[in-house]
Amino acid sequence: MGMVLQALNDNRQVEVWEAASASRAQERAALLAGAFVPDSLKPSLPDWTVAGRDHLLMLAYQRQFGDAIEVEAACSACGEKTKLSFTVSQILNTASPELSNAWNAVQASLDTDAYLPAYHDTDLEGIPCQFRLPRIADLSMLDNSEAMMFQFAQRVIDPEGFQQIRAALAERDNPEGAWEALFKQIEQQMLACEPLSIVSLNSACPECGAQTLHQFDIASQFWAQLSASVEKQLWDVHLLASAYGWSSQDILTMSPARRRRHIAMIIE
């Protein structure tokens, strides 16, 4: 189904920030994505792949905050902090053809059918089976127990294939290690199917020269940028409401340029 992607106005940014502020990371990511989705599509959101959710958040980030991203990362060898500078476009260029073709930049329209999972033929632990990318709903159903890898595999592998793999791993000398190895195989299949499933950035430390692979999470970056934007807007509300008695709704409806001018008048 198609939708037009539009930036959030200031009032809506504050509403989304308030709604997501007390949520856990995965719930927050879904709320952020859902803020850009029309009501008619919201019921299908849990069925989207996590990669699809992140694809939408990257497109939304571009429209809301621009293309450039700068994050701080630590060297794995010496711990030295460094800045990583890149663009959303660079990450989007690595997406699968299915996700890339879902976006029409000219019309700012998105075909969200590309975000629905499909099974792919594969081979895991020498057993032919089918697997799909994890959905948003899958992550919300996982717990942090030792059985998480088992739960994850059970959700993304077709039922018949999973039962065969489960039986095969139960006969191994080290079943726990076998499940860890299976989890790594699934990660490799995810990346082969959709590179946006796990976004990694490589950097060289300016101090020791060591290479470090950093995982990038667009949901965390989006939340950090939204929180910073809302913080500035709430200060505007505080200053202008204190001086003029205007409501938060009215202040945030004003253009940023008009707010800046009124604040300058207060300071003067």
Protein backbone atom coordinates (compact mmCIF):
# COMPACT_ATOMS: atom_id res chain seq x y z
CA MET A 1 0.00 0.00 0.00
CA GLY A 2 1.25 3.47 -0.81
CA MET A 3 1.76 6.44 1.51
CA VAL A 4 3.27 9.91 1.27
CA LEU A 5 6.11 10.63 3.67
CA GLN A 6 5.89 14.04 5.33
CA ALA A 7 7.95 15.70 8.04
CA LEU A 8 6.39 16.21 11.47
CA ASN A 9 5.45 19.75 12.48
CA ASP A 10 6.70 21.07 15.83
CA ASN A 11 3.54 20.24 17.77
CA ARG A 12 3.57 16.70 16.43
CA GLN A 13 7.27 16.29 17.28
CA VAL A 14 6.54 17.13 20.90
CA GLU A 15 3.57 14.72 20.97
CA VAL A 16 5.68 11.87 19.57
CA TRP A 17 8.55 12.61 21.96
CA GLU A 18 6.18 12.61 24.92
CA ALA A 19 4.53 9.34 23.86
CA ALA A 20 7.86 7.57 23.30
CA SER A 21 9.86 8.95 26.21
CA ALA A 22 8.85 6.22 28.68
CA SER A 23 9.07 3.34 26.18
CA ARG A 24 11.73 0.68 25.83
CA ALA A 25 14.03 0.78 22.81
CA GLN A 26 12.07 -1.56 20.51
CA GLU A 27 8.70 -0.05 21.46
CA ARG A 28 10.14 3.43 20.92
CA ALA A 29 11.43 2.51 17.45
CA ALA A 30 7.95 1.31 16.46
CA LEU A 31 6.35 4.47 17.85
CA LEU A 32 8.78 6.67 15.92
CA ALA A 33 8.07 4.83 12.67
CA GLY A 34 4.34 4.86 13.38
CA ALA A 35 4.38 8.65 13.72
CA PHE A 36 4.91 8.90 9.95
CA VAL A 37 2.37 6.25 9.02
CA PRO A 38 -1.27 7.13 8.23
CA ASP A 39 -3.93 5.63 10.49
CA SER A 40 -5.08 3.26 7.74
CA LEU A 41 -1.66 1.56 7.73
CA LYS A 42 -0.99 1.44 11.48
CA PRO A 43 -2.61 -2.01 11.99
CA SER A 44 -0.07 -3.55 9.59
CA LEU A 45 2.96 -2.00 11.33
CA PRO A 46 3.72 -5.00 13.63
CA ASP A 47 3.93 -7.21 10.53
CA TRP A 48 6.62 -5.06 8.93
CA THR A 49 10.17 -6.34 8.92
CA VAL A 50 12.58 -4.60 11.26
CA ALA A 51 14.65 -3.70 8.19
CA GLY A 52 11.53 -2.11 6.66
CA ARG A 53 10.93 -0.12 9.82
CA ASP A 54 14.52 1.14 9.73
CA HIS A 55 14.25 1.96 6.04
CA LEU A 56 11.26 4.17 6.77
CA LEU A 57 13.07 5.80 9.73
CA MET A 58 16.06 6.62 7.52
CA LEU A 59 13.82 8.24 4.92
CA ALA A 60 11.94 10.08 7.68
CA TYR A 61 15.26 11.22 9.21
CA GLN A 62 16.26 12.75 5.89
CA ARG A 63 13.02 14.70 5.65
CA GLN A 64 13.02 15.75 9.30
CA PHE A 65 16.66 16.47 10.08
CA GLY A 66 18.63 16.29 6.81
CA ASP A 67 21.01 13.78 5.27
CA ALA A 68 24.12 14.23 7.41
CA ILE A 69 24.79 12.16 10.54
CA GLU A 70 27.62 12.44 13.03
CA VAL A 71 28.00 9.98 15.92
CA GLU A 72 30.64 9.36 18.55
CA ALA A 73 32.24 5.92 18.70
CA ALA A 74 34.99 4.30 20.75
CA CYS A 75 37.99 2.37 19.42
CA SER A 76 37.81 -1.34 20.30
CA ALA A 77 41.58 -1.44 20.93
CA CYS A 78 42.42 1.69 22.95
CA GLY A 79 39.00 3.13 23.79
CA GLU A 80 39.75 6.49 22.16
CA LYS A 81 36.56 8.37 21.18
CA THR A 82 36.21 9.51 17.60
CA LYS A 83 33.55 11.09 15.39
CA LEU A 84 31.98 9.13 12.55
CA SER A 85 30.53 11.31 9.81
CA PHE A 86 28.37 9.83 7.05
CA THR A 87 25.01 10.33 5.36
CA VAL A 88 21.67 8.57 5.34
CA SER A 89 21.98 8.34 1.56
CA GLN A 90 25.16 6.27 1.87
CA ILE A 91 23.33 3.73 4.03
CA LEU A 92 20.23 3.71 1.86
CA ASN A 93 22.39 2.96 -1.18
CA THR A 94 23.22 -0.41 0.38
CA ALA A 95 19.56 -1.47 0.68
CA SER A 96 18.14 -4.39 -1.28
CA PRO A 97 16.42 -3.64 -4.61
CA GLU A 98 13.08 -4.43 -2.96
CA LEU A 99 13.45 -1.62 -0.41
CA SER A 100 15.16 0.77 -2.81
CA ASN A 101 12.37 0.41 -5.37
CA ALA A 102 9.72 1.02 -2.72
CA TRP A 103 10.70 4.70 -2.45
CA ASN A 104 9.72 7.29 -5.06
CA ALA A 105 11.84 10.33 -4.25
CA VAL A 106 10.10 12.57 -6.79
CA GLN A 107 6.66 12.05 -5.27
CA ALA A 108 7.94 11.37 -1.74
CA SER A 109 5.79 8.24 -1.81
CA LEU A 110 6.48 4.85 -0.32
CA ASP A 111 5.10 1.41 -1.17
CA THR A 112 4.92 -0.24 2.25
CA ASP A 113 4.15 -3.65 0.75
CA ALA A 114 7.93 -3.98 0.45
CA TYR A 115 8.09 -4.01 4.25
CA LEU A 116 6.08 -7.22 4.59
CA PRO A 117 8.23 -10.35 5.07
CA ALA A 118 8.55 -13.15 2.54
CA TYR A 119 10.10 -16.60 2.97
CA HIS A 120 13.36 -17.38 1.15
CA ASP A 121 14.85 -20.80 0.40
CA THR A 122 18.06 -21.38 2.29
CA ASP A 123 20.21 -24.00 3.99
CA LEU A 124 20.88 -23.93 7.73
CA GLU A 125 22.99 -26.55 9.48
CA GLY A 126 22.90 -28.54 6.23
CA ILE A 127 19.11 -28.71 6.28
CA PRO A 128 17.11 -27.14 3.42
CA CYS A 129 14.48 -24.81 4.86
CA GLN A 130 12.89 -21.41 4.44
CA PHE A 131 13.49 -18.30 6.48
CA ARG A 132 12.22 -14.75 6.59
CA LEU A 133 13.41 -11.46 8.02
CA PRO A 134 12.30 -10.75 11.61
CA ARG A 135 9.17 -8.65 12.04
CA ILE A 136 8.58 -5.84 14.53
CA ALA A 137 6.12 -8.13 16.34
CA ASP A 138 8.79 -10.84 16.63
CA LEU A 139 11.08 -8.59 18.66
CA SER A 140 8.31 -7.58 21.04
CA MET A 141 7.66 -11.26 21.81
CA LEU A 142 11.28 -12.14 22.62
CA ASP A 143 12.51 -12.11 26.21
CA ASN A 144 16.04 -11.75 27.55
CA SER A 145 16.34 -15.34 28.72
CA GLU A 146 18.94 -17.85 27.63
CA ALA A 147 16.31 -19.24 25.24
CA MET A 148 16.23 -16.05 23.17
CA MET A 149 18.23 -17.56 20.29
CA PHE A 150 15.85 -20.53 20.25
CA GLN A 151 12.82 -18.20 20.23
CA PHE A 152 14.28 -16.06 17.47
CA ALA A 153 15.06 -19.05 15.24
CA GLN A 154 11.61 -20.47 15.85
CA ARG A 155 10.02 -17.28 14.57
CA VAL A 156 12.07 -16.72 11.41
CA ILE A 157 12.45 -20.32 10.18
CA ASP A 158 9.48 -22.13 8.66
CA PRO A 159 7.87 -24.59 11.16
CA GLU A 160 8.85 -27.80 9.38
CA GLY A 161 12.43 -26.68 8.83
CA PHE A 162 12.74 -25.49 12.42
CA GLN A 163 11.65 -28.85 13.82
CA GLN A 164 14.26 -30.65 11.70
CA ILE A 165 16.98 -28.23 12.79
CA ARG A 166 15.92 -28.48 16.43
CA ALA A 167 16.16 -32.27 16.30
CA ALA A 168 19.58 -32.11 14.65
CA LEU A 169 21.01 -29.65 17.20
CA ALA A 170 19.69 -31.68 20.13
CA GLU A 171 22.05 -34.49 19.13
CA ARG A 172 25.14 -32.27 19.15
CA ASP A 173 27.74 -32.58 21.93
CA ASN A 174 27.37 -28.88 22.69
CA PRO A 175 23.75 -27.87 21.95
CA GLU A 176 24.19 -24.34 23.34
CA GLY A 177 27.16 -23.69 21.09
CA ALA A 178 25.22 -25.17 18.18
CA TRP A 179 22.38 -22.67 18.73
CA GLU A 180 24.90 -19.82 18.82
CA ALA A 181 26.37 -21.02 15.53
CA LEU A 182 22.87 -21.24 14.05
CA PHE A 183 22.13 -17.70 15.19
CA LYS A 184 25.24 -16.47 13.35
CA GLN A 185 24.14 -18.33 10.22
CA ILE A 186 20.75 -16.64 10.41
CA GLU A 187 22.44 -13.24 10.75
CA GLN A 188 24.46 -13.97 7.60
CA GLN A 189 21.30 -14.95 5.75
CA MET A 190 19.59 -11.76 6.94
CA LEU A 191 22.43 -9.62 5.61
CA ALA A 192 22.50 -11.47 2.31
CA CYS A 193 18.76 -10.96 1.94
CA GLU A 194 18.61 -7.37 3.23
CA PRO A 195 21.79 -5.39 4.05
CA LEU A 196 19.77 -2.92 6.14
CA SER A 197 19.06 -5.71 8.64
CA ILE A 198 22.35 -4.93 10.37
CA VAL A 199 24.12 -1.67 9.50
CA SER A 200 27.84 -1.69 10.35
CA LEU A 201 30.35 1.12 9.89
CA ASN A 202 34.09 0.54 9.82
CA SER A 203 36.47 3.18 11.15
CA ALA A 204 40.21 3.54 11.75
CA CYS A 205 41.26 4.95 15.13
CA PRO A 206 43.18 8.24 14.73
CA GLU A 207 45.32 7.36 17.77
CA CYS A 208 46.33 3.71 17.34
CA GLY A 209 45.14 2.96 13.80
CA ALA A 210 43.07 -0.06 14.84
CA GLN A 211 40.02 -0.90 12.75
CA THR A 212 36.68 -1.07 14.58
CA LEU A 213 33.33 -2.21 13.24
CA HIS A 214 30.49 -0.16 14.76
CA GLN A 215 26.83 -1.09 14.51
CA PHE A 216 24.56 1.83 13.68
CA ASP A 217 20.98 1.99 14.92
CA ILE A 218 18.84 4.55 13.07
CA ALA A 219 16.10 4.37 15.73
CA SER A 220 18.55 5.45 18.46
CA GLN A 221 19.94 8.22 16.25
CA PHE A 222 16.44 9.42 15.36
CA TRP A 223 15.45 9.49 19.03
CA ALA A 224 18.56 11.46 20.00
CA GLN A 225 17.94 14.02 17.27
CA LEU A 226 14.23 14.30 18.07
CA SER A 227 14.95 14.76 21.77
CA ALA A 228 17.43 17.55 21.03
CA SER A 229 14.93 19.26 18.70
CA VAL A 230 12.10 19.02 21.24
CA GLU A 231 14.36 20.33 24.02
CA LYS A 232 14.95 23.52 22.01
CA GLN A 233 11.25 23.87 21.26
CA LEU A 234 10.27 23.48 24.92
CA TRP A 235 12.71 26.23 25.87
CA ASP A 236 11.01 28.43 23.28
CA VAL A 237 7.65 27.60 24.86
CA HIS A 238 8.99 28.37 28.34
CA LEU A 239 10.36 31.78 27.36
CA LEU A 240 7.43 32.91 25.23
CA ALA A 241 4.72 31.56 27.51
CA SER A 242 6.36 33.27 30.49
CA ALA A 243 6.58 36.60 28.65
CA TYR A 244 3.34 36.63 26.67
CA GLY A 245 1.11 34.00 28.23
CA TRP A 246 0.68 32.19 24.92
CA SER A 247 -0.19 28.48 24.90
CA SER A 248 2.29 25.78 23.95
CA GLN A 249 0.10 24.87 20.97
CA ASP A 250 0.11 28.44 19.64
CA ILE A 251 3.85 28.90 20.16
CA LEU A 252 4.80 25.69 18.37
CA THR A 253 2.47 26.56 15.49
CA MET A 254 4.54 29.69 14.84
CA SER A 255 7.40 29.46 12.39
CA PRO A 256 10.88 29.08 13.96
CA ALA A 257 11.87 32.45 12.48
CA ARG A 258 8.98 34.22 14.24
CA ARG A 259 9.75 32.51 17.53
CA ARG A 260 13.40 33.54 17.28
CA ARG A 261 12.38 37.14 16.69
CA HIS A 262 10.05 37.24 19.68
CA ILE A 263 12.75 35.69 21.89
CA ALA A 264 15.23 38.31 20.65
CA MET A 265 12.74 41.01 21.64
CA ILE A 266 12.45 39.53 25.13
CA ILE A 267 16.21 39.46 25.52
CA GLU A 268 16.56 43.02 24.22
